């Protein structure tokens, strides 16, 4: 699915499905921040309950885990978001152009 780390190929190499029109935007990083944040915070709190460490020791442990976890999860989460868009026929996957479904009526107050 990916040509580079986060660059989605224009088409699927297995079935030929067009993937160039997906719009994952900022949703994958939000999901990754939520997952990694919960895991790191839980790990930090559990470590703090069991062992007394200095701030520098916590930084030496949790900063690399946070960075590695974020990098490791970014590609699978982005693939999942693109797959979700495909499954729900969003952003061009349904064979039609995107259009606003909920247009608000004009508020002419003259």
N, C-alpha and C. Protein backbone atom coordinates (compact mmCIF):
# COMPACT_ATOMS: atom_id res chain seq x y z
N UNK A 1 0.82 -1.18 0.00
CA UNK A 1 0.00 0.00 0.00
C UNK A 1 0.87 1.26 0.00
N UNK A 2 2.02 1.19 0.63
CA UNK A 2 2.87 2.38 0.76
C UNK A 2 4.07 2.30 -0.18
N UNK A 3 4.35 3.42 -0.85
CA UNK A 3 5.54 3.52 -1.69
C UNK A 3 6.75 3.96 -0.88
N UNK A 4 6.51 4.84 0.07
CA UNK A 4 7.51 5.29 1.03
C UNK A 4 6.90 5.14 2.41
N UNK A 5 7.52 5.73 3.41
CA UNK A 5 7.07 5.48 4.78
C UNK A 5 5.59 5.82 4.98
N UNK A 6 5.17 7.01 4.57
CA UNK A 6 3.77 7.39 4.72
C UNK A 6 3.12 7.79 3.41
N UNK A 7 3.79 7.63 2.30
CA UNK A 7 3.24 7.99 0.98
C UNK A 7 2.50 6.78 0.42
N UNK A 8 1.20 6.94 0.24
CA UNK A 8 0.37 5.86 -0.28
C UNK A 8 0.57 5.79 -1.79
N UNK A 9 0.70 4.57 -2.31
CA UNK A 9 0.83 4.39 -3.76
C UNK A 9 -0.43 4.90 -4.47
N UNK A 10 -0.28 5.24 -5.75
CA UNK A 10 -1.44 5.71 -6.51
C UNK A 10 -2.47 4.61 -6.73
N UNK A 11 -2.00 3.37 -6.89
CA UNK A 11 -2.91 2.23 -7.07
C UNK A 11 -2.41 1.05 -6.25
N UNK A 12 -3.33 0.16 -5.94
CA UNK A 12 -2.98 -1.07 -5.23
C UNK A 12 -2.26 -2.01 -6.18
N UNK A 13 -1.15 -2.57 -5.73
CA UNK A 13 -0.37 -3.46 -6.60
C UNK A 13 -1.07 -4.81 -6.79
N UNK A 14 -1.97 -5.21 -5.90
CA UNK A 14 -2.64 -6.50 -6.00
C UNK A 14 -3.91 -6.44 -6.86
N UNK A 15 -4.73 -5.41 -6.65
CA UNK A 15 -6.03 -5.40 -7.33
C UNK A 15 -6.21 -4.22 -8.27
N UNK A 16 -5.32 -3.23 -8.23
CA UNK A 16 -5.43 -2.09 -9.12
C UNK A 16 -6.36 -0.99 -8.64
N UNK A 17 -6.88 -1.10 -7.43
CA UNK A 17 -7.76 -0.06 -6.87
C UNK A 17 -7.01 1.26 -6.79
N UNK A 18 -7.64 2.34 -7.22
CA UNK A 18 -7.03 3.66 -7.14
C UNK A 18 -7.02 4.12 -5.69
N UNK A 19 -5.86 4.53 -5.22
CA UNK A 19 -5.71 4.98 -3.84
C UNK A 19 -5.28 6.44 -3.74
N UNK A 20 -5.05 7.07 -4.88
CA UNK A 20 -4.47 8.41 -4.89
C UNK A 20 -5.39 9.47 -4.30
N UNK A 21 -6.67 9.22 -4.21
CA UNK A 21 -7.61 10.23 -3.76
C UNK A 21 -7.97 10.14 -2.28
N UNK A 22 -7.30 9.27 -1.54
CA UNK A 22 -7.62 9.17 -0.11
C UNK A 22 -7.27 10.49 0.58
N UNK A 23 -7.92 10.75 1.70
CA UNK A 23 -7.64 11.96 2.48
C UNK A 23 -7.57 11.60 3.95
N UNK A 24 -6.47 11.00 4.35
CA UNK A 24 -6.30 10.64 5.76
C UNK A 24 -6.02 11.87 6.62
N UNK A 25 -5.36 12.87 6.05
CA UNK A 25 -5.05 14.14 6.69
C UNK A 25 -4.41 13.94 8.07
N UNK A 26 -4.99 14.52 9.11
CA UNK A 26 -4.39 14.49 10.44
C UNK A 26 -4.99 13.42 11.35
N UNK A 27 -5.89 12.62 10.85
CA UNK A 27 -6.54 11.62 11.70
C UNK A 27 -5.57 10.55 12.21
N UNK A 28 -4.68 9.98 11.37
CA UNK A 28 -3.74 8.98 11.89
C UNK A 28 -2.85 9.49 13.03
N UNK A 29 -2.27 10.71 12.93
CA UNK A 29 -1.48 11.17 14.09
C UNK A 29 -2.30 11.34 15.37
N UNK A 30 -3.56 11.76 15.25
CA UNK A 30 -4.40 11.87 16.44
C UNK A 30 -4.60 10.51 17.09
N UNK A 31 -4.84 9.50 16.29
CA UNK A 31 -5.01 8.15 16.82
C UNK A 31 -3.73 7.66 17.48
N UNK A 32 -2.59 7.88 16.82
CA UNK A 32 -1.29 7.44 17.36
C UNK A 32 -1.00 8.15 18.67
N UNK A 33 -1.23 9.45 18.74
CA UNK A 33 -0.99 10.20 19.98
C UNK A 33 -1.86 9.65 21.10
N UNK A 34 -3.10 9.32 20.80
CA UNK A 34 -3.99 8.78 21.82
C UNK A 34 -3.51 7.43 22.33
N UNK A 35 -3.14 6.54 21.41
CA UNK A 35 -2.69 5.19 21.80
C UNK A 35 -1.39 5.26 22.58
N UNK A 36 -0.39 5.93 22.00
CA UNK A 36 0.92 6.00 22.65
C UNK A 36 0.83 6.76 23.96
N UNK A 37 0.05 7.82 23.99
CA UNK A 37 -0.09 8.59 25.22
C UNK A 37 -0.66 7.75 26.35
N UNK A 38 -1.67 6.96 26.06
CA UNK A 38 -2.25 6.11 27.11
C UNK A 38 -1.25 5.05 27.57
N UNK A 39 -0.55 4.43 26.64
CA UNK A 39 0.42 3.40 27.02
C UNK A 39 1.59 3.97 27.82
N UNK A 40 2.12 5.09 27.37
CA UNK A 40 3.26 5.69 28.06
C UNK A 40 2.85 6.22 29.43
N UNK A 41 1.70 6.87 29.50
CA UNK A 41 1.25 7.38 30.80
C UNK A 41 0.99 6.24 31.78
N UNK A 42 0.36 5.18 31.32
CA UNK A 42 0.14 4.01 32.19
C UNK A 42 1.44 3.38 32.63
N UNK A 43 2.39 3.25 31.70
CA UNK A 43 3.69 2.70 32.05
C UNK A 43 4.46 3.58 33.02
N UNK A 44 4.39 4.89 32.79
CA UNK A 44 5.04 5.84 33.69
C UNK A 44 4.46 5.74 35.10
N UNK A 45 3.15 5.72 35.19
CA UNK A 45 2.51 5.67 36.52
C UNK A 45 2.80 4.35 37.23
N UNK A 46 2.81 3.25 36.48
CA UNK A 46 3.12 1.95 37.09
C UNK A 46 4.57 1.92 37.56
N UNK A 47 5.47 2.44 36.75
CA UNK A 47 6.88 2.49 37.15
C UNK A 47 7.07 3.36 38.38
N UNK A 48 6.39 4.48 38.41
CA UNK A 48 6.50 5.39 39.55
C UNK A 48 5.97 4.74 40.83
N UNK A 49 4.97 3.89 40.72
CA UNK A 49 4.44 3.20 41.91
C UNK A 49 5.41 2.14 42.42
N UNK A 50 6.14 1.49 41.50
CA UNK A 50 7.00 0.37 41.90
C UNK A 50 8.41 0.80 42.26
N UNK A 51 8.95 1.79 41.53
CA UNK A 51 10.35 2.17 41.69
C UNK A 51 10.43 3.69 41.76
N UNK A 52 11.30 4.19 42.62
CA UNK A 52 11.52 5.63 42.69
C UNK A 52 12.68 5.98 41.75
N UNK A 53 12.37 6.75 40.71
CA UNK A 53 13.39 7.18 39.74
C UNK A 53 13.44 8.69 39.70
N UNK A 54 14.59 9.22 39.30
CA UNK A 54 14.71 10.66 39.13
C UNK A 54 14.04 11.08 37.82
N UNK A 55 13.86 12.38 37.67
CA UNK A 55 13.26 12.88 36.42
C UNK A 55 14.10 12.52 35.21
N UNK A 56 15.42 12.59 35.33
CA UNK A 56 16.28 12.25 34.20
C UNK A 56 16.17 10.79 33.82
N UNK A 57 16.02 9.92 34.79
CA UNK A 57 15.85 8.50 34.49
C UNK A 57 14.52 8.26 33.77
N UNK A 58 13.47 8.93 34.21
CA UNK A 58 12.19 8.81 33.51
C UNK A 58 12.31 9.33 32.08
N UNK A 59 12.98 10.45 31.90
CA UNK A 59 13.17 10.98 30.54
C UNK A 59 13.95 9.99 29.67
N UNK A 60 14.96 9.38 30.25
CA UNK A 60 15.78 8.42 29.49
C UNK A 60 14.98 7.18 29.10
N UNK A 61 13.97 6.85 29.87
CA UNK A 61 13.14 5.67 29.57
C UNK A 61 11.99 6.03 28.64
N UNK A 62 11.20 7.04 28.98
CA UNK A 62 9.91 7.27 28.33
C UNK A 62 9.99 8.07 27.04
N UNK A 63 10.96 8.93 26.89
CA UNK A 63 11.08 9.68 25.62
C UNK A 63 11.40 8.74 24.46
N UNK A 64 12.41 7.85 24.57
CA UNK A 64 12.65 6.92 23.46
C UNK A 64 11.48 5.97 23.19
N UNK A 65 10.81 5.53 24.25
CA UNK A 65 9.65 4.65 24.05
C UNK A 65 8.54 5.40 23.32
N UNK A 66 8.33 6.66 23.66
CA UNK A 66 7.30 7.46 23.00
C UNK A 66 7.63 7.67 21.53
N UNK A 67 8.87 8.01 21.22
CA UNK A 67 9.27 8.24 19.83
C UNK A 67 9.20 6.94 19.03
N UNK A 68 9.74 5.87 19.57
CA UNK A 68 9.72 4.58 18.85
C UNK A 68 8.30 4.07 18.66
N UNK A 69 7.48 4.19 19.68
CA UNK A 69 6.09 3.75 19.55
C UNK A 69 5.31 4.56 18.53
N UNK A 70 5.55 5.86 18.49
CA UNK A 70 4.86 6.71 17.52
C UNK A 70 5.27 6.37 16.10
N UNK A 71 6.56 6.18 15.88
CA UNK A 71 7.04 5.84 14.54
C UNK A 71 6.54 4.45 14.13
N UNK A 72 6.54 3.52 15.07
CA UNK A 72 6.10 2.16 14.76
C UNK A 72 4.62 2.08 14.44
N UNK A 73 3.80 2.91 15.06
CA UNK A 73 2.35 2.83 14.85
C UNK A 73 1.84 3.69 13.70
N UNK A 74 2.61 4.68 13.25
CA UNK A 74 2.09 5.63 12.28
C UNK A 74 1.67 4.97 10.97
N UNK A 75 2.49 4.11 10.39
CA UNK A 75 2.15 3.49 9.11
C UNK A 75 0.96 2.54 9.22
N UNK A 76 0.92 1.64 10.21
CA UNK A 76 -0.27 0.77 10.30
C UNK A 76 -1.57 1.54 10.55
N UNK A 77 -1.50 2.60 11.34
CA UNK A 77 -2.70 3.38 11.62
C UNK A 77 -3.15 4.12 10.36
N UNK A 78 -2.20 4.68 9.61
CA UNK A 78 -2.58 5.37 8.37
C UNK A 78 -3.17 4.38 7.37
N UNK A 79 -2.60 3.19 7.28
CA UNK A 79 -3.18 2.16 6.42
C UNK A 79 -4.58 1.78 6.86
N UNK A 80 -4.80 1.72 8.17
CA UNK A 80 -6.13 1.44 8.68
C UNK A 80 -7.14 2.53 8.36
N UNK A 81 -6.70 3.79 8.42
CA UNK A 81 -7.60 4.90 8.10
C UNK A 81 -7.94 4.89 6.61
N UNK A 82 -6.96 4.64 5.75
CA UNK A 82 -7.24 4.55 4.31
C UNK A 82 -8.17 3.37 4.04
N UNK A 83 -7.94 2.25 4.72
CA UNK A 83 -8.83 1.09 4.58
C UNK A 83 -10.24 1.38 5.06
N UNK A 84 -10.37 2.13 6.13
CA UNK A 84 -11.69 2.52 6.63
C UNK A 84 -12.40 3.41 5.62
N UNK A 85 -11.65 4.35 5.03
CA UNK A 85 -12.24 5.21 4.00
C UNK A 85 -12.70 4.37 2.80
N UNK A 86 -11.93 3.37 2.44
CA UNK A 86 -12.31 2.50 1.32
C UNK A 86 -13.57 1.71 1.69
N UNK A 87 -13.62 1.16 2.91
CA UNK A 87 -14.76 0.34 3.33
C UNK A 87 -16.04 1.17 3.42
N UNK A 88 -15.93 2.44 3.81
CA UNK A 88 -17.10 3.30 3.92
C UNK A 88 -17.37 4.09 2.65
N UNK A 89 -16.58 3.84 1.62
CA UNK A 89 -16.73 4.52 0.31
C UNK A 89 -16.63 6.04 0.46
N UNK A 90 -15.64 6.48 1.20
CA UNK A 90 -15.43 7.91 1.42
C UNK A 90 -14.35 8.44 0.49
N UNK A 91 -14.38 9.73 0.21
CA UNK A 91 -13.33 10.46 -0.51
C UNK A 91 -12.97 9.84 -1.85
N UNK A 92 -13.97 9.59 -2.67
CA UNK A 92 -13.73 9.10 -4.02
C UNK A 92 -13.73 7.59 -4.17
N UNK A 93 -13.71 6.83 -3.09
CA UNK A 93 -13.71 5.38 -3.21
C UNK A 93 -15.06 4.83 -3.64
N UNK A 94 -16.11 5.61 -3.54
CA UNK A 94 -17.44 5.14 -3.93
C UNK A 94 -17.78 5.39 -5.38
N UNK A 95 -16.85 5.92 -6.16
CA UNK A 95 -17.10 6.16 -7.57
C UNK A 95 -17.74 7.50 -7.86
N UNK A 96 -17.87 8.38 -6.89
CA UNK A 96 -18.43 9.71 -7.11
C UNK A 96 -17.54 10.74 -6.41
N UNK A 97 -17.66 11.98 -6.84
CA UNK A 97 -16.88 13.06 -6.27
C UNK A 97 -17.37 13.37 -4.85
N UNK A 98 -16.47 13.89 -4.03
CA UNK A 98 -16.88 14.35 -2.70
C UNK A 98 -17.79 15.55 -2.83
N UNK A 99 -18.80 15.58 -2.02
CA UNK A 99 -19.69 16.74 -1.99
C UNK A 99 -20.19 16.91 -0.57
N UNK A 100 -20.44 18.15 -0.16
CA UNK A 100 -20.95 18.34 1.20
C UNK A 100 -22.35 17.77 1.32
N UNK A 101 -22.56 16.91 2.28
CA UNK A 101 -23.87 16.27 2.47
C UNK A 101 -24.80 17.14 3.31
N UNK A 102 -24.21 17.98 4.13
CA UNK A 102 -25.02 18.79 5.04
C UNK A 102 -24.78 20.27 4.74
N UNK A 103 -25.38 20.76 3.70
CA UNK A 103 -25.25 22.17 3.39
C UNK A 103 -26.26 22.95 4.21
N UNK A 104 -25.77 23.97 4.89
CA UNK A 104 -26.66 24.80 5.70
C UNK A 104 -27.39 25.78 4.81
N UNK A 105 -28.65 26.03 5.11
CA UNK A 105 -29.38 27.04 4.32
C UNK A 105 -28.79 28.43 4.58
N UNK A 106 -28.91 29.29 3.60
CA UNK A 106 -28.37 30.64 3.78
C UNK A 106 -29.18 31.39 4.83
N UNK A 107 -28.51 32.20 5.57
CA UNK A 107 -29.14 32.98 6.64
C UNK A 107 -29.27 34.43 6.17
N UNK A 108 -30.19 34.70 5.30
CA UNK A 108 -30.38 36.04 4.76
C UNK A 108 -31.18 36.86 5.78
N UNK A 109 -30.51 37.80 6.44
CA UNK A 109 -31.15 38.58 7.51
C UNK A 109 -31.27 40.04 7.10
N UNK A 110 -31.76 40.28 5.95
CA UNK A 110 -31.93 41.68 5.52
C UNK A 110 -33.31 42.19 5.75
